[in-house]
Protein backbone atom coordinates (compact mmCIF):
# COMPACT_ATOMS: atom_id res chain seq x y z
CA MET A 1 137.95 91.52 107.00
CA PRO A 2 134.59 89.65 107.08
CA LEU A 3 132.74 88.61 104.06
CA PHE A 4 130.21 90.93 104.46
CA MET A 5 132.64 93.99 104.11
CA ALA A 6 134.96 92.58 101.28
CA ILE A 7 131.79 91.97 98.87
CA ARG A 8 129.87 95.40 99.38
CA ARG A 9 129.88 98.40 97.46
CA THR A 10 133.30 100.19 98.57
CA ALA A 11 132.47 103.29 99.75
CA PRO A 12 133.70 106.99 98.45
CA ALA A 13 135.49 107.58 101.53
CA ALA A 14 138.17 104.33 100.99
CA THR A 15 139.61 106.50 99.04
CA ALA A 16 140.59 109.36 100.96
CA PRO A 17 143.50 111.37 100.13
CA ALA A 18 147.19 111.53 102.22
CA SER A 19 145.93 114.43 103.46
CA ASP A 20 143.74 112.74 105.68
CA GLY A 21 146.59 111.91 107.88
CA LEU A 22 147.72 108.68 106.29
CA ALA A 23 150.79 108.42 105.06
CA PRO A 24 151.50 108.15 101.20
CA ALA A 25 152.81 104.19 101.71
CA ALA A 26 149.63 103.54 103.77
CA VAL A 27 147.26 105.30 100.97
CA GLY A 28 148.98 103.62 98.20
CA SER A 29 148.25 100.11 100.10
CA LEU A 30 144.74 100.73 101.02
CA ARG A 31 143.73 101.59 97.32
CA SER A 32 145.44 98.50 95.81
CA ARG A 33 143.47 96.01 98.43
CA ILE A 34 140.55 98.39 97.30
CA GLU A 35 141.31 97.63 93.82
CA VAL A 36 142.09 94.16 93.98
CA LEU A 37 138.72 93.49 96.02
CA ARG A 38 137.09 95.29 93.13
CA ARG A 39 138.61 93.35 90.31
CA HIS A 40 138.01 89.97 92.36
CA ARG A 41 134.38 91.51 93.43
CA ARG A 42 133.11 90.11 89.54
CA TRP A 43 133.74 86.22 90.54
CA LEU A 44 133.96 86.52 94.31
CA LEU A 45 129.83 87.60 94.81
CA PRO A 46 128.84 84.34 92.29
CA LEU A 47 131.08 82.54 93.90
CA VAL A 48 129.77 82.81 97.51
CA VAL A 49 126.04 82.37 95.70
CA ALA A 50 127.02 79.25 94.16
CA VAL A 51 128.47 77.99 97.54
CA LEU A 52 125.36 78.97 99.27
CA LEU A 53 122.94 77.32 97.17
CA GLY A 54 125.08 74.47 96.35
CA GLN A 55 125.09 73.47 100.36
CA MET A 56 121.25 73.94 100.45
CA ALA A 57 120.95 71.76 97.29
CA ALA A 58 123.39 68.71 98.72
CA ALA A 59 121.09 68.87 102.33
CA MET A 60 117.74 68.67 100.21
CA ILE A 61 118.77 65.96 97.57
CA THR A 62 120.31 64.31 100.61
CA THR A 63 117.09 64.48 102.62
CA ALA A 64 115.11 63.85 99.55
CA VAL A 65 117.15 60.62 98.83
CA GLN A 66 116.87 59.35 102.39
CA GLN A 67 112.96 60.05 103.22
CA THR A 68 110.45 57.78 102.52
CA PRO A 69 107.16 59.81 101.77
CA THR A 70 105.39 61.84 104.06
CA ILE A 71 101.38 61.89 104.39
CA ASP A 72 100.39 64.19 101.83
CA GLU A 73 103.27 63.43 99.19
CA PRO A 74 101.36 60.35 97.65
CA VAL A 75 98.27 62.14 97.23
CA TYR A 76 100.02 64.63 95.03
CA VAL A 77 102.28 62.31 92.90
CA GLY A 78 99.22 59.89 92.42
CA THR A 79 97.38 63.05 91.17
CA ALA A 80 100.14 64.51 89.25
CA GLU A 81 100.67 60.82 87.37
CA VAL A 82 96.98 61.28 86.77
CA TYR A 83 97.59 64.54 85.05
CA LEU A 84 100.15 63.22 82.82
CA ALA A 85 98.49 60.07 81.91
CA GLN A 86 94.67 60.81 82.01
CA ARG A 87 94.35 64.53 81.86
CA ASP A 88 91.36 64.46 84.55
CA LEU A 89 90.94 67.19 87.37
CA ARG A 90 88.85 64.78 89.53
CA PHE A 91 91.81 63.85 92.03
CA ASN A 92 92.66 66.31 95.05
CA PRO A 93 90.62 69.19 93.66
CA GLU A 94 91.30 71.15 97.34
CA HIS A 95 94.05 72.23 95.69
CA PRO A 96 94.58 73.74 91.95
CA PRO A 97 96.94 72.09 89.52
CA LEU A 98 100.40 74.11 88.96
CA GLY A 99 102.14 72.33 91.97
CA LYS A 100 101.23 68.79 90.86
CA LEU A 101 101.85 69.76 87.32
CA ILE A 102 105.31 70.72 88.51
CA ILE A 103 105.81 67.79 90.24
CA ALA A 104 104.73 65.86 87.14
CA SER A 105 107.70 67.29 85.31
CA GLY A 106 109.95 65.09 87.22
CA LEU A 107 107.63 62.16 86.84
CA ALA A 108 107.68 62.59 83.19
CA PHE A 109 111.12 61.16 83.03
CA THR A 110 110.36 58.11 84.76
CA ASP A 111 108.17 55.09 83.48
CA VAL A 112 105.70 55.01 86.03
CA HIS A 113 102.44 52.66 85.71
CA LEU A 114 99.30 53.63 86.35
CA ASP A 115 95.93 51.56 85.98
CA PRO A 116 93.74 53.15 83.58
CA ASP A 117 91.14 51.63 85.50
CA PHE A 118 91.82 52.35 88.88
CA THR A 119 88.64 53.90 90.67
CA GLY A 120 89.69 54.70 94.41
CA ASP A 121 90.08 57.64 96.45
CA GLN A 122 93.04 59.87 96.46
CA THR A 123 94.66 58.51 99.32
CA ALA A 124 94.14 55.20 97.56
CA LEU A 125 95.67 56.57 94.47
CA GLY A 126 99.13 57.66 96.15
CA ARG A 127 99.26 54.18 97.87
CA HIS A 128 98.55 52.39 94.55
CA VAL A 129 100.86 54.50 92.42
CA LEU A 130 103.97 54.01 94.72
CA TYR A 131 103.30 50.26 96.22
CA GLU A 132 100.50 48.32 94.24
CA SER A 133 101.36 49.19 90.96
CA GLY A 134 105.47 47.69 89.95
CA ASN A 135 107.01 51.32 90.51
CA ASP A 136 110.09 51.84 92.41
CA PRO A 137 108.39 54.36 95.38
CA TRP A 138 112.48 55.75 96.20
CA ARG A 139 112.30 56.35 92.23
CA VAL A 140 109.37 57.63 91.80
CA MET A 141 109.32 59.94 95.08
CA LEU A 142 112.91 61.15 93.91
CA PHE A 143 111.81 62.10 90.54
CA ALA A 144 108.50 63.74 92.08
CA ARG A 145 110.72 65.63 94.32
CA LEU A 146 113.90 67.10 91.99
CA PRO A 147 111.44 70.06 90.36
CA MET A 148 110.49 71.44 93.66
CA ILE A 149 113.95 71.36 94.61
CA ALA A 150 115.30 72.93 91.79
CA LEU A 151 112.28 75.43 92.31
CA THR A 152 113.45 76.05 95.88
CA LEU A 153 117.06 76.93 94.70
CA LEU A 154 115.56 79.15 92.21
CA PHE A 155 113.31 81.12 94.72
CA GLY A 156 116.61 81.62 96.85
CA LEU A 157 118.15 83.72 93.72
CA VAL A 158 114.97 85.84 94.59
CA VAL A 159 115.61 86.52 98.03
CA PHE A 160 119.21 87.57 97.12
CA ALA A 161 118.23 89.95 93.97
CA PHE A 162 115.51 91.47 96.29
CA ALA A 163 117.79 91.94 99.29
CA ARG A 164 120.44 93.15 96.90
CA ASP A 165 118.06 95.58 95.37
CA LEU A 166 116.96 97.13 98.87
CA VAL A 167 120.99 97.45 100.45
CA GLY A 168 123.11 95.91 98.32
CA ALA A 169 125.26 93.00 97.61
CA ALA A 170 126.43 92.27 101.15
CA GLY A 171 122.72 92.64 102.25
CA GLY A 172 122.23 90.00 99.37
CA VAL A 173 124.52 87.35 100.42
CA ALA A 174 123.15 87.87 104.53
CA ALA A 175 119.44 87.46 103.13
CA LEU A 176 120.70 84.43 100.92
CA ALA A 177 122.49 82.59 103.71
CA LEU A 178 119.34 82.88 106.27
CA TYR A 179 117.31 81.18 103.37
CA ALA A 180 119.54 78.85 102.51
CA PHE A 181 120.52 77.43 106.19
CA SER A 182 116.28 77.58 107.02
CA PRO A 183 115.81 73.90 108.50
CA ASP A 184 112.34 74.60 107.57
CA VAL A 185 112.85 75.87 103.99
CA ILE A 186 115.35 72.82 103.27
CA ALA A 187 112.75 70.59 105.04
CA HIS A 188 109.56 71.09 103.02
CA GLY A 189 111.60 72.40 99.81
CA SER A 190 113.05 68.86 99.73
CA LEU A 191 109.35 67.41 99.44
CA ALA A 192 106.93 66.59 96.51
CA THR A 193 104.42 69.05 98.36
CA LEU A 194 102.88 72.82 97.92
CA ASP A 195 104.02 74.87 100.80
CA VAL A 196 107.28 76.24 99.42
CA PRO A 197 106.19 76.93 95.88
CA ALA A 198 103.14 78.88 96.84
CA ALA A 199 105.44 81.18 99.46
CA GLY A 200 108.09 81.58 96.85
CA PHE A 201 105.61 82.67 93.93
CA LEU A 202 104.23 85.25 96.44
CA LEU A 203 107.28 86.41 97.46
CA THR A 204 108.60 86.90 93.32
CA SER A 205 105.25 88.64 92.94
CA VAL A 206 105.92 90.69 96.01
CA TRP A 207 109.79 91.37 94.81
CA LEU A 208 108.59 92.22 91.06
CA LEU A 209 106.03 94.72 92.43
CA ARG A 210 108.70 96.83 94.59
CA ARG A 211 110.87 96.82 91.24
CA ALA A 212 107.62 98.18 89.41
CA ARG A 213 107.92 101.37 91.50
CA GLY A 214 110.69 102.11 88.98
CA GLN A 215 109.18 100.63 85.37
CA PRO A 216 105.81 99.69 85.94
CA LEU A 217 104.92 98.72 82.53
CA ARG A 218 108.03 96.24 82.71
CA TYR A 219 106.98 94.06 86.13
CA LEU A 220 103.68 94.94 87.01
CA PRO A 221 102.56 92.02 84.22
CA LEU A 222 105.52 89.82 85.72
CA ALA A 223 104.14 90.32 89.32
CA GLY A 224 100.56 89.32 87.76
CA LEU A 225 102.19 86.04 86.41
CA ALA A 226 103.88 85.14 90.06
CA LEU A 227 100.52 85.86 91.52
CA GLY A 228 98.64 83.86 89.08
CA ALA A 229 101.25 80.97 89.86
CA ALA A 230 100.97 81.37 93.69
CA LEU A 231 96.87 81.08 93.26
CA ALA A 232 97.07 78.43 90.55
CA THR A 233 99.32 76.49 93.56
CA ARG A 234 97.70 76.51 96.87
CA MET A 235 94.09 77.99 98.03
CA ASN A 236 95.48 79.63 100.73
CA THR A 237 97.17 82.20 99.03
CA LEU A 238 94.05 83.59 98.12
CA ALA A 239 94.40 85.87 101.19
CA ALA A 240 97.38 87.37 99.50
CA ALA A 241 96.05 88.83 96.52
CA PRO A 242 93.96 91.78 97.92
CA VAL A 243 97.17 92.72 99.51
CA LEU A 244 99.03 92.35 96.22
CA LEU A 245 96.68 94.25 94.72
CA LEU A 246 96.96 97.27 96.61
CA LEU A 247 100.85 97.19 96.57
CA ALA A 248 100.50 97.01 92.45
CA ALA A 249 98.71 100.12 93.00
CA VAL A 250 100.69 101.96 95.14
CA SER A 251 103.95 100.92 93.11
CA TYR A 252 102.22 102.69 89.80
CA TRP A 253 101.39 105.42 91.89
CA SER A 254 104.98 105.99 93.20
CA ALA A 255 106.48 105.52 89.62
CA ARG A 256 103.89 107.95 88.13
CA ARG A 257 103.62 110.81 90.85
CA THR A 258 105.57 114.22 89.97
CA PRO A 259 105.99 117.26 92.36
CA GLY A 260 102.68 119.70 92.05
CA LEU A 261 100.14 117.32 90.91
CA ASP A 262 96.83 119.26 90.78
CA ARG A 263 93.57 117.90 91.82
CA ARG A 264 92.61 116.65 88.41
CA GLY A 265 96.07 115.08 87.74
CA THR A 266 95.80 113.30 91.22
CA LEU A 267 92.38 111.77 90.46
CA ARG A 268 93.47 110.68 87.14
CA LEU A 269 96.85 109.24 88.61
CA ILE A 270 94.72 107.33 91.02
CA ALA A 271 92.58 105.95 88.10
CA TYR A 272 95.69 104.75 86.38
CA SER A 273 96.68 103.20 89.75
CA ALA A 274 93.40 101.22 90.07
CA LEU A 275 93.40 100.24 86.41
CA ALA A 276 97.26 98.89 87.19
CA ALA A 277 96.08 96.96 89.87
CA ALA A 278 93.02 95.57 87.74
CA GLY A 279 95.51 94.44 84.96
CA VAL A 280 97.54 92.53 87.61
CA ALA A 281 94.62 90.66 88.64
CA LEU A 282 93.61 90.11 85.18
CA VAL A 283 96.71 88.71 84.48
CA ALA A 284 96.62 86.50 87.17
CA VAL A 285 93.04 85.14 86.60
CA ALA A 286 94.33 83.93 83.20
CA VAL A 287 96.93 82.19 84.79
CA VAL A 288 94.65 80.28 87.12
CA TRP A 289 92.94 79.60 84.26
CA ALA A 290 95.42 78.27 81.84
CA THR A 291 96.24 76.03 84.67
CA TYR A 292 93.32 73.91 84.63
CA LEU A 293 92.85 74.36 80.56
CA ALA A 294 95.94 72.62 80.41
CA VAL A 295 95.56 70.07 82.33
CA ASP A 296 91.64 69.15 81.36
CA PRO A 297 90.25 71.28 78.68
CA ARG A 298 87.16 69.50 78.21
CA PRO A 299 83.91 70.70 79.78
CA PRO A 300 81.83 70.07 81.61
CA TRP A 301 83.13 69.96 85.57
CA THR A 302 81.00 67.45 87.48
CA THR A 303 81.49 68.58 91.57
CA PRO A 304 82.66 65.68 93.55
CA ARG A 305 80.52 64.59 96.43
CA ASN A 306 82.60 65.76 99.35
CA VAL A 307 82.35 69.62 98.62
CA PRO A 308 80.56 71.24 101.58
CA ASP A 309 77.73 74.15 100.96
CA ILE A 310 79.69 76.90 102.22
CA ARG A 311 77.06 80.00 102.90
CA GLY A 312 77.77 83.53 104.25
CA LYS A 313 80.57 85.75 102.88
CA ARG A 314 82.93 82.96 101.84
CA GLY A 315 79.99 81.67 100.33
CA LEU A 316 79.43 84.98 98.29
CA VAL A 317 83.40 85.20 97.94
CA THR A 318 83.30 81.77 96.11
CA ALA A 319 80.38 82.09 94.11
CA TRP A 320 81.59 85.48 92.63
CA LEU A 321 85.48 84.84 91.90
CA PRO A 322 85.99 84.42 88.19
CA VAL A 323 87.49 81.29 88.41
CA PRO A 324 87.00 77.93 87.25
CA GLU A 325 84.48 75.74 88.59
CA PRO A 326 86.56 73.18 90.02
CA TYR A 327 88.73 75.94 91.89
CA ARG A 328 85.23 77.12 93.49
CA ASP A 329 84.94 73.89 94.49
CA GLY A 330 87.97 73.44 95.90
CA MET A 331 87.73 76.81 98.09
CA ARG A 332 84.74 75.06 99.28
CA ILE A 333 86.61 72.23 100.41
CA GLN A 334 89.37 73.96 101.89
CA PHE A 335 87.00 76.11 104.11
CA GLY A 336 85.40 72.87 105.37
CA ILE A 337 88.80 71.44 106.09
CA GLU A 338 90.39 74.59 107.46
CA TYR A 339 88.10 76.15 109.62
CA SER A 340 86.70 72.85 111.14
CA THR A 341 87.02 72.62 115.00
CA LYS A 342 86.62 69.04 115.31
CA GLY A 343 90.51 68.25 115.23
CA GLY A 344 92.86 69.02 117.97
CA GLY A 345 96.63 69.13 118.07
CA PHE A 346 99.59 69.28 120.70
CA LEU A 347 101.66 71.74 122.06
CA PHE A 348 104.12 72.19 124.70
CA GLY A 349 103.36 68.52 126.05
CA ARG A 350 99.54 69.38 126.22
CA ARG A 351 97.25 67.74 124.10
CA TYR A 352 94.06 70.11 122.87
CA PHE A 353 91.09 69.81 121.02
CA GLY A 354 90.04 72.80 118.84
CA SER A 355 92.52 75.53 117.78
CA LEU A 356 94.48 77.37 119.52
CA TRP A 357 95.25 80.88 118.13
CA TYR A 358 98.89 81.46 119.34
CA TYR A 359 99.89 77.72 117.72
CA LEU A 360 101.59 78.64 115.54
CA PRO A 361 103.43 81.74 116.68
CA ALA A 362 104.52 79.04 119.56
CA ALA A 363 105.71 76.58 116.75
CA VAL A 364 107.70 79.47 114.66
CA LEU A 365 109.07 80.39 117.74
CA VAL A 366 110.25 76.78 118.34
CA LYS A 367 111.47 75.55 115.10
CA THR A 368 113.21 78.95 113.89
CA PRO A 369 117.28 79.09 114.64
CA LEU A 370 117.48 81.77 117.57
CA GLY A 371 120.08 83.79 115.64
CA MET A 372 117.66 84.05 112.90
CA LEU A 373 114.90 85.40 114.86
CA ALA A 374 116.96 87.98 116.28
CA LEU A 375 117.86 88.68 112.89
CA TRP A 376 114.56 88.77 112.14
CA ALA A 377 113.30 91.20 114.82
CA ALA A 378 116.24 93.67 114.08
CA GLY A 379 115.59 93.64 109.96
CA ALA A 380 112.05 94.45 110.82
CA VAL A 381 112.70 97.37 113.02
CA THR A 382 115.44 98.82 110.61
CA LEU A 383 112.88 98.38 107.66
CA LEU A 384 110.22 100.40 109.91
CA THR A 385 112.50 103.33 111.01
CA ALA A 386 114.92 103.67 108.90
CA ARG A 387 114.05 106.45 106.22
CA ARG A 388 115.70 105.23 103.06
CA LEU A 389 114.18 101.60 103.95
CA ARG A 390 110.93 102.89 104.89
CA PRO A 391 109.29 102.78 101.31
CA ALA A 392 110.06 98.94 101.21
CA ALA A 393 108.29 97.96 104.87
CA PRO A 394 105.08 97.86 103.50
CA TYR A 395 106.09 95.30 100.76
CA LEU A 396 107.95 92.74 103.25
CA LEU A 397 105.95 93.33 106.20
CA LEU A 398 102.38 93.38 105.09
CA LEU A 399 101.65 90.33 103.29
CA PRO A 400 103.23 88.05 106.16
CA ALA A 401 101.51 90.05 108.88
CA VAL A 402 98.23 89.46 107.00
CA LEU A 403 98.67 86.04 106.29
CA LEU A 404 99.83 85.12 109.67
CA ALA A 405 96.51 86.77 110.87
CA VAL A 406 94.54 84.48 108.53
CA LEU A 407 96.32 81.66 109.88
CA LEU A 408 95.51 82.61 113.53
CA ASP A 409 92.17 82.55 112.67
CA GLY A 410 91.84 78.90 111.77
CA SER A 411 92.33 75.43 112.81
CA ARG A 412 95.95 74.93 111.74
CA GLY A 413 97.65 72.57 114.43
CA PHE A 414 99.41 70.66 111.98
CA GLY A 415 102.98 72.77 111.68
CA VAL A 416 105.18 75.84 110.19
CA ARG A 417 104.51 74.94 106.93
CA TYR A 418 101.70 77.31 106.71
CA ALA A 419 103.76 79.83 107.61
CA ILE A 420 106.93 78.85 105.52
CA PHE A 421 106.43 82.42 104.02
CA LEU A 422 107.93 83.83 107.16
CA PRO A 423 111.51 82.74 106.61
CA MET A 424 111.52 83.96 102.84
CA PHE A 425 110.11 87.62 103.07
CA LEU A 426 111.91 88.12 106.72
CA ALA A 427 115.23 87.13 105.43
CA VAL A 428 114.89 89.68 102.91
CA ALA A 429 113.83 91.98 105.83
CA ALA A 430 116.80 91.08 107.97
CA ALA A 431 119.16 92.11 105.28
CA GLY A 432 118.09 95.79 106.05
CA VAL A 433 120.06 96.06 109.06
CA LEU A 434 122.98 96.12 106.52
CA ILE A 435 121.77 99.76 105.81
CA HIS A 436 123.77 100.69 108.55
CA ARG A 437 127.21 100.78 107.03
CA THR A 438 129.01 100.25 110.59
CA TRP A 439 131.63 97.51 111.46
CA TRP A 440 129.16 96.39 114.41
CA ALA A 441 126.39 96.03 112.01
CA TYR A 442 128.24 93.79 109.74
CA GLY A 443 129.79 92.15 112.66
CA MET A 444 126.42 91.57 114.73
CA THR A 445 125.14 90.06 111.07
CA ALA A 446 127.93 87.52 110.33
CA ALA A 447 128.12 86.19 113.80
CA LEU A 448 124.50 85.65 113.57
CA VAL A 449 124.28 84.05 110.40
CA VAL A 450 127.63 82.10 111.38
CA PHE A 451 125.30 80.89 114.58
CA VAL A 452 122.19 79.62 112.25
CA ALA A 453 124.27 78.15 109.85
CA VAL A 454 125.90 76.11 112.65
CA SER A 455 122.45 75.02 113.99
CA SER A 456 121.14 74.55 110.56
CA LEU A 457 124.28 72.12 110.21
CA ARG A 458 123.84 70.18 113.54
CA THR A 459 120.43 68.91 112.48
CA PHE A 460 121.47 67.18 109.22
CA PRO A 461 119.93 65.04 107.82
CA TYR A 462 117.15 65.70 110.33
CA TYR A 463 115.66 69.00 109.04
CA LEU A 464 111.95 68.19 109.17
CA PRO A 465 112.19 67.65 113.40
CA TYR A 466 114.66 70.66 114.06
CA SER A 467 114.07 72.83 116.64
CA ASN A 468 116.17 75.48 117.87
CA GLU A 469 118.72 75.17 121.23
CA ALA A 470 116.39 77.15 123.83
CA PHE A 471 113.93 74.09 123.01
CA GLY A 472 116.42 71.12 123.08
CA GLY A 473 117.41 70.62 119.82
CA PRO A 474 115.38 68.29 117.28
CA SER A 475 115.95 65.15 120.01
CA LYS A 476 113.32 67.25 121.81
CA THR A 477 111.09 68.58 119.14
CA ARG A 478 108.42 65.84 119.92
CA GLN A 479 108.16 67.03 123.59
CA HIS A 480 106.55 70.45 122.13
CA LEU A 481 105.25 69.91 118.76
CA HIS A 482 103.66 67.18 116.64
CA ASP A 483 102.87 66.46 113.14
CA SER A 484 104.61 68.13 110.31
CA ASN A 485 106.74 69.67 113.08
CA VAL A 486 108.44 66.38 113.97
CA ASP A 487 107.25 63.63 112.22
CA TRP A 488 105.12 63.25 109.12
CA GLY A 489 105.92 59.60 108.41
CA GLN A 490 109.07 60.22 106.40
CA ASP A 491 111.50 57.65 108.43
CA LEU A 492 109.83 54.70 107.69
CA GLY A 493 113.05 53.31 105.49
CA ARG A 494 115.26 54.48 108.27
CA LEU A 495 113.79 52.64 110.70
CA ALA A 496 113.66 49.32 108.28
CA GLU A 497 117.12 49.68 108.14
CA ARG A 498 117.58 50.19 111.95
CA LEU A 499 115.73 46.97 112.69
CA ARG A 500 117.95 44.68 110.06
CA GLN A 501 121.14 46.30 111.85
CA ARG A 502 120.03 46.26 115.66
CA TYR A 503 116.97 44.16 116.42
CA PRO A 504 117.16 41.46 113.81
CA ASP A 505 114.49 38.33 114.30
CA GLU A 506 112.72 40.70 117.22
CA ARG A 507 109.07 40.62 117.29
CA VAL A 508 107.62 43.73 116.29
CA TRP A 509 105.16 45.95 117.05
CA LEU A 510 103.62 49.14 114.97
CA GLY A 511 102.20 52.12 115.41
CA TYR A 512 103.03 54.22 112.57
CA LYS A 513 101.71 57.39 111.22
CA GLY A 514 102.61 57.86 107.44
CA SER A 515 101.28 57.11 104.02
CA GLY A 516 104.00 54.32 103.79
CA VAL A 517 103.59 50.72 103.54
CA PRO A 518 105.87 49.09 105.88
CA SER A 519 106.01 45.63 104.38
CA TYR A 520 107.33 47.30 101.12
CA TYR A 521 110.23 48.08 103.09
CA GLY A 522 110.64 44.36 104.77
CA ILE A 523 109.24 45.50 108.26
CA ASP A 524 107.29 42.66 109.58
CA ALA A 525 104.98 43.92 112.05
CA ARG A 526 101.71 43.50 114.00
CA ASP A 527 99.54 46.54 114.91
CA PRO A 528 99.47 47.00 118.51
CA LEU A 529 95.68 48.30 118.41
CA ARG A 530 94.44 44.96 117.11
CA ALA A 531 96.03 42.62 120.03
CA LYS A 532 95.26 41.98 123.99
CA PRO A 533 97.79 44.13 125.84
CA GLU A 534 99.23 40.95 127.26
CA GLU A 535 100.00 39.89 123.88
CA VAL A 536 102.06 42.80 122.81
CA ARG A 537 105.74 41.74 123.66
CA GLY A 538 108.73 42.23 122.16
CA LEU A 539 109.71 45.97 120.52
CA LEU A 540 106.78 48.44 120.18
CA LEU A 541 107.31 51.21 117.55
CA VAL A 542 105.34 54.28 118.00
CA SER A 543 105.22 57.56 115.37
CA ASN A 544 106.01 60.55 117.85
CA SER A 545 103.00 62.06 116.58
CA ALA A 546 100.58 59.10 117.86
CA VAL A 547 102.12 59.36 121.05
CA ALA A 548 101.70 62.67 121.21
CA LYS A 549 98.41 62.44 120.68
CA ALA A 550 97.84 59.08 122.25
CA GLU A 551 94.25 59.39 124.10
CA PRO A 552 94.53 59.76 127.93
CA GLY A 553 93.70 56.34 129.64
CA GLY A 554 93.24 54.89 125.94
CA PRO A 555 95.24 51.67 124.78
CA LEU A 556 98.03 53.25 122.95
CA GLU A 557 98.60 55.30 125.90
CA ALA A 558 98.39 52.25 128.14
CA LEU A 559 101.16 49.97 126.29
CA ILE A 560 103.51 53.65 126.21
CA GLU A 561 103.36 53.78 129.98
CA SER A 562 104.01 50.09 130.50
CA SER A 563 107.08 49.95 127.99
CA ARG A 564 110.57 51.76 127.90
CA PRO A 565 112.14 53.74 125.32
CA ILE A 566 115.47 52.34 124.29
CA ASP A 567 115.97 53.85 121.00
CA GLU A 568 114.68 56.29 118.49
CA VAL A 569 114.98 56.64 114.42
CA GLY A 570 115.40 60.32 112.92
CA HIS A 571 113.83 61.90 115.95
CA SER A 572 110.46 60.89 114.45
CA ILE A 573 110.00 56.99 115.65
CA THR A 574 110.47 56.06 119.37
CA ILE A 575 111.37 52.32 119.97
CA PHE A 576 110.13 50.73 122.75
CA ARG A 577 110.72 47.03 124.38
CA ARG A 578 107.95 45.84 126.30
CA ASP A 579 108.52 42.45 128.60
């Protein structure tokens, strides 16, 4: 009997009497089996949940231990330490404080040294804390990542509870399995970054709003807290606020609507629903204010020099939002960064400039397990077509659709981490397939979940460069994507180990794209772009993001074309030999 069938609620038909054509002995045997399942259900379900989250924890901790700092992490870690030691908001103003406060909760258990007279920028701050102050970067990064790992596991419980509310325990297990085996969630949930916590807080808020359809006074304030946590973690969650406030009004309306309301009663209910949404907004704004005051309650705030002048509608929104002034400046910086067309990217072997609206959908297609894609689609269709689940469709599908539409409008050629909300929300949506309590629905779901699990386990511990089998797996991701989709500077430590084991005493040239300091890990290398081409002889080590964005006809491309690949590290760094 499949696990999903074993743990779901036993249907009334399963206790059919002997008159249905079964022999008394067969009926007795069936009832005995059902009774055994009922007795074991009390411990079977928690055991399954613990196993799924346990393997996820093992994968994330292993990844956290083995990977060196990614490009963004040192900035967040350095800023978190400034929060702890100096109670100052001047670093990394483009992101609100909550995510960095969570990182700081791990750093509080380490003895990190920070020069109180440090005056550099935030990039230099991260390098100073990790490599220039006598701290152990391996230990510092592990303790910075552990709170994020714990938070990612807690969001797994939200996924389970949300799906169980919709379709029962079997749906909760299916949704949790998709979440726990998601390579993208494992990859980014094991880093001291802000993408997973921001998306997880949004999912938590939506789950609480869905529950508010039954008990609005209990769950709407909690939904406001979760929304506020998302807004206080990452700026791009602002686009979710109007959607969640609309859902808050809908939830209150659904909870208080009664048959036979007259026109006056309807208008009154509309007004109360609007007030309920306003209450959620007030709680969320209060959380944002509280996070800033928790770091630095001292006025006034000095606007950083790099804050751009944002005009038009975005400028008006920024000016009128009831948020702290540092938050406004962070919004202005984000608008300046995320809507810039000066950058570029790499997609399916082609280097491009500006932005491509279809970049993120294509990247999600590459980096999502095939079984997961199939269940996402089936779950979304079921939510829209199954009468019992249709009221849940706006909660699970509307917000991801809006957020994805907003992302398509900007310049986001840096990775599926921007859309990390998809494997969270759509894992819950996928569980909707189990509303059809048939063997084929349970069998199909179980088979696809196993397919996802196998695909995920095969990439261990290289989750960051994962791509599905249709695109060649992790070793081929570099041919399709770049940056945090495959190479985010995470394999400097593994590269050092490879050089010690296989290439001792070789002359090394390194084109590394990342925040780590190669010399700290024992890599004695020169920059190939600061030497004449004829001098570059021996091993040429190049980050795959640098390979992907090498300028056509430029010096790096010329060096690569005149070399031969002989090895690779973590699917993110290629080792060439140049004779």
